[in-house]
Protein backbone atom coordinates (compact mmCIF):
# COMPACT_ATOMS: atom_id res chain seq x y z
CA ASN A 1 -7.13 -15.04 -7.26
CA MET A 2 -7.91 -11.34 -6.94
CA ILE A 3 -6.34 -8.16 -8.32
CA VAL A 4 -7.08 -4.57 -7.97
CA VAL A 5 -6.26 -1.78 -10.59
CA THR A 6 -6.87 1.94 -10.66
CA ARG A 7 -8.34 4.20 -13.35
CA ASP A 8 -8.24 7.98 -13.25
CA ILE A 9 -11.50 9.78 -13.40
CA GLU A 10 -10.91 12.64 -15.89
CA ASN A 11 -10.88 16.21 -14.62
CA THR A 12 -11.31 15.13 -10.99
CA GLU A 13 -9.31 14.39 -7.91
CA SER A 14 -10.84 10.93 -7.83
CA ILE A 15 -9.83 7.49 -9.13
CA TYR A 16 -11.64 4.18 -9.51
CA LEU A 17 -10.25 1.17 -7.64
CA VAL A 18 -11.53 -1.86 -9.57
CA PHE A 19 -11.43 -5.29 -8.09
CA TYR A 20 -11.33 -8.40 -10.27
CA ALA A 21 -11.57 -12.24 -9.45
CA TRP A 22 -10.43 -15.07 -11.56
CA ASN A 23 -13.52 -17.26 -12.19
CA GLY A 24 -11.47 -20.15 -13.80
CA ASN A 25 -11.80 -18.82 -17.28
CA GLU A 26 -11.39 -15.05 -17.15
CA TRP A 27 -11.00 -12.04 -14.93
CA GLU A 28 -14.47 -10.89 -13.69
CA GLN A 29 -15.03 -7.46 -12.27
CA LYS A 30 -16.37 -7.76 -8.75
CA ASN A 31 -16.89 -4.15 -7.74
CA PHE A 32 -15.27 -0.74 -7.86
CA ILE A 33 -14.67 2.10 -5.40
CA VAL A 34 -14.43 5.73 -6.21
CA GLU A 35 -11.69 7.16 -4.05
CA GLU A 36 -10.73 10.88 -3.74
CA VAL A 37 -6.99 11.20 -3.59
CA GLU A 38 -5.39 14.58 -3.78
CA ASP A 39 -2.76 14.79 -6.52
CA VAL A 40 -2.64 11.04 -6.80
CA GLY A 41 -0.05 11.03 -9.71
CA LEU A 42 0.23 8.08 -12.00
CA ILE A 43 2.00 5.70 -9.84
CA PHE A 44 0.31 3.22 -7.47
CA SER A 45 1.09 -0.01 -5.83
CA ALA A 46 -1.39 -2.70 -4.60
CA ASP A 47 -1.43 -6.05 -2.86
CA ILE A 48 -4.22 -8.30 -1.75
CA SER A 49 -3.94 -11.02 1.03
CA GLY A 50 -7.21 -12.99 1.53
CA THR A 51 -9.92 -10.42 2.29
CA THR A 52 -7.42 -7.41 2.85
CA ALA A 53 -6.11 -5.17 0.12
CA LEU A 54 -3.42 -2.51 0.58
CA VAL A 55 -3.11 0.31 -2.00
CA GLY A 56 -0.33 2.88 -1.92
CA PHE A 57 -0.16 6.20 -3.77
CA PRO A 58 3.38 7.55 -3.24
CA GLN A 59 2.87 10.81 -5.13
CA ALA A 60 -0.49 11.77 -3.40
CA ASP A 61 -1.05 14.40 -0.96
CA SER A 62 -1.58 13.28 2.71
CA ALA A 63 -3.63 15.32 5.20
CA SER A 64 -0.84 17.88 5.39
CA GLY A 65 -1.06 18.29 1.51
CA ASN A 66 2.73 18.03 0.90
CA GLY A 67 2.87 15.01 -1.41
CA GLU A 68 4.11 12.54 1.24
CA GLY A 69 2.12 9.72 -0.24
CA VAL A 70 -0.73 7.64 1.31
CA ALA A 71 -1.74 4.05 1.73
CA TYR A 72 -5.17 2.75 2.39
CA MET A 73 -6.58 -0.63 3.53
CA TYR A 74 -9.64 -2.13 1.93
CA ASN A 75 -11.61 -5.21 3.16
CA GLN A 76 -13.84 -7.70 1.43
CA ASN A 77 -17.18 -8.40 3.09
CA SER A 78 -19.03 -11.65 3.23
CA LEU A 79 -20.93 -10.85 0.07
CA GLY A 80 -17.59 -10.36 -1.94
CA PHE A 81 -17.75 -6.56 -2.06
CA TRP A 82 -14.75 -4.38 -1.18
CA GLY A 83 -14.90 -1.29 0.93
CA LYS A 84 -12.36 1.05 2.61
CA SER A 85 -11.20 0.08 6.08
CA ALA A 86 -11.87 2.36 8.97
CA SER A 87 -8.12 2.04 9.76
CA SER A 88 -5.60 4.13 7.74
CA ILE A 89 -2.01 3.20 7.31
CA LEU A 90 0.04 6.14 8.29
CA PRO A 91 3.77 6.30 9.26
CA ASP A 92 4.81 7.73 12.67
CA ASP A 93 7.30 10.18 11.12
CA ALA A 94 7.26 12.60 8.24
CA THR A 95 8.31 11.09 4.98
CA THR A 96 7.96 11.36 1.18
CA GLY A 97 6.93 8.72 -1.25
CA PHE A 98 5.03 6.69 1.27
CA GLY A 99 3.33 3.80 -0.43
CA ASP A 100 5.97 3.35 -3.21
CA SER A 101 6.31 -0.39 -2.48
CA ILE A 102 3.76 -2.23 -0.38
CA ASN A 103 2.88 -5.79 0.56
CA VAL A 104 0.42 -7.33 3.00
CA ASP A 105 0.30 -11.00 4.29
CA GLY A 106 -2.28 -11.74 6.94
CA ASP A 107 -2.05 -9.31 9.78
CA LEU A 108 1.43 -7.88 8.77
CA ALA A 109 2.13 -5.20 6.14
CA CYS A 110 5.18 -3.28 4.92
CA VAL A 111 5.14 0.12 3.21
CA SER A 112 8.26 1.73 1.72
CA ALA A 113 8.96 5.42 1.55
CA GLU A 114 11.75 7.48 0.03
CA GLY A 115 12.50 9.17 3.37
CA ASN A 116 13.08 12.88 3.61
CA GLY A 117 15.30 12.98 0.59
CA GLN A 118 18.42 13.25 2.83
CA ASP A 119 19.42 9.83 4.01
CA GLY A 120 17.79 7.11 1.85
CA SER A 121 14.56 4.99 1.97
CA TYR A 122 12.77 3.42 4.72
CA VAL A 123 10.41 0.50 5.24
CA HIS A 124 7.51 0.90 7.74
CA VAL A 125 6.09 -2.30 9.24
CA PHE A 126 2.45 -2.39 10.38
CA LYS A 127 0.56 -5.05 12.37
CA LEU A 128 -3.23 -5.55 12.62
CA GLU A 129 -4.23 -5.19 16.28
CA GLY A 130 -7.94 -5.76 16.53
CA GLU A 131 -9.40 -3.32 13.89
CA GLU A 132 -6.38 -1.02 13.78
CA TRP A 133 -3.20 -1.18 11.70
CA VAL A 134 -0.42 -0.13 14.17
CA GLN A 135 3.18 0.74 13.22
CA GLN A 136 5.56 -1.76 14.72
CA ASP A 137 8.87 -0.62 13.23
CA THR A 138 10.75 1.59 10.77
CA MET A 139 13.72 -0.01 9.15
CA GLY A 140 16.40 1.86 7.33
CA PRO A 141 17.85 4.06 5.94
CA PHE A 142 18.51 2.01 2.86
CA GLY A 143 19.55 3.00 -0.52
CA PHE A 144 16.53 3.19 -2.82
CA VAL A 145 14.01 0.47 -1.77
CA ASP A 146 13.03 -1.52 -4.90
CA THR A 147 10.49 -3.81 -3.13
CA CYS A 148 9.45 -4.78 0.39
CA THR A 149 7.66 -8.27 0.82
CA VAL A 150 5.98 -9.92 3.75
CA SER A 151 5.76 -13.65 4.14
CA GLY A 152 4.47 -14.77 7.51
CA ASP A 153 6.63 -13.04 10.05
CA THR A 154 9.59 -12.34 7.69
CA ILE A 155 10.06 -9.12 5.72
CA ALA A 156 12.28 -8.98 2.71
CA VAL A 157 13.70 -5.62 1.54
CA LYS A 158 15.33 -5.56 -1.94
CA ILE A 159 17.44 -2.51 -2.54
CA TYR A 160 17.77 -1.21 -6.12
CA GLN A 161 21.01 -2.56 -7.59
CA GLY A 162 21.89 -3.87 -4.09
CA ASP A 163 21.41 -6.45 -1.56
CA LEU A 164 18.37 -8.40 -0.32
CA ASN A 165 17.84 -7.90 3.45
CA LEU A 166 15.61 -10.34 5.52
CA TYR A 167 14.16 -9.37 8.87
CA LYS A 168 11.94 -11.28 11.46
């Protein structure tokens, strides 16, 4: 029973990631992380699976500074504190809106992206191999991806006003 929320830090390129746990009666703040994200925008997506959190910022600048979007992994340590993982989640190809819809379940994660604006959206699939998140596949193009969800070894991709596609 964990959630993560973000808060902008006024007049900076930074945000707070605030982690909460349900203690049986109320949501209790566990810790927060200050994250510098260039042009983060107002949209983010987040998911937690066990001691792993995946947070996507689809309007943020990546290393190239072109607003492609970014996604970061965070891990919870044995004391219950969260910290940024040494491994980043990056697509193999250029894209925009990376991090729009995200989901993580154990050692498998999916991250949607709007694509290059020409041929629709894509879903990038990552698998944890040792300490690194490695891209396994890119699915698409689809129409606009509403959500991508991971459950075990199955990935569900819901298309806006369209079909639900299941993949193993």
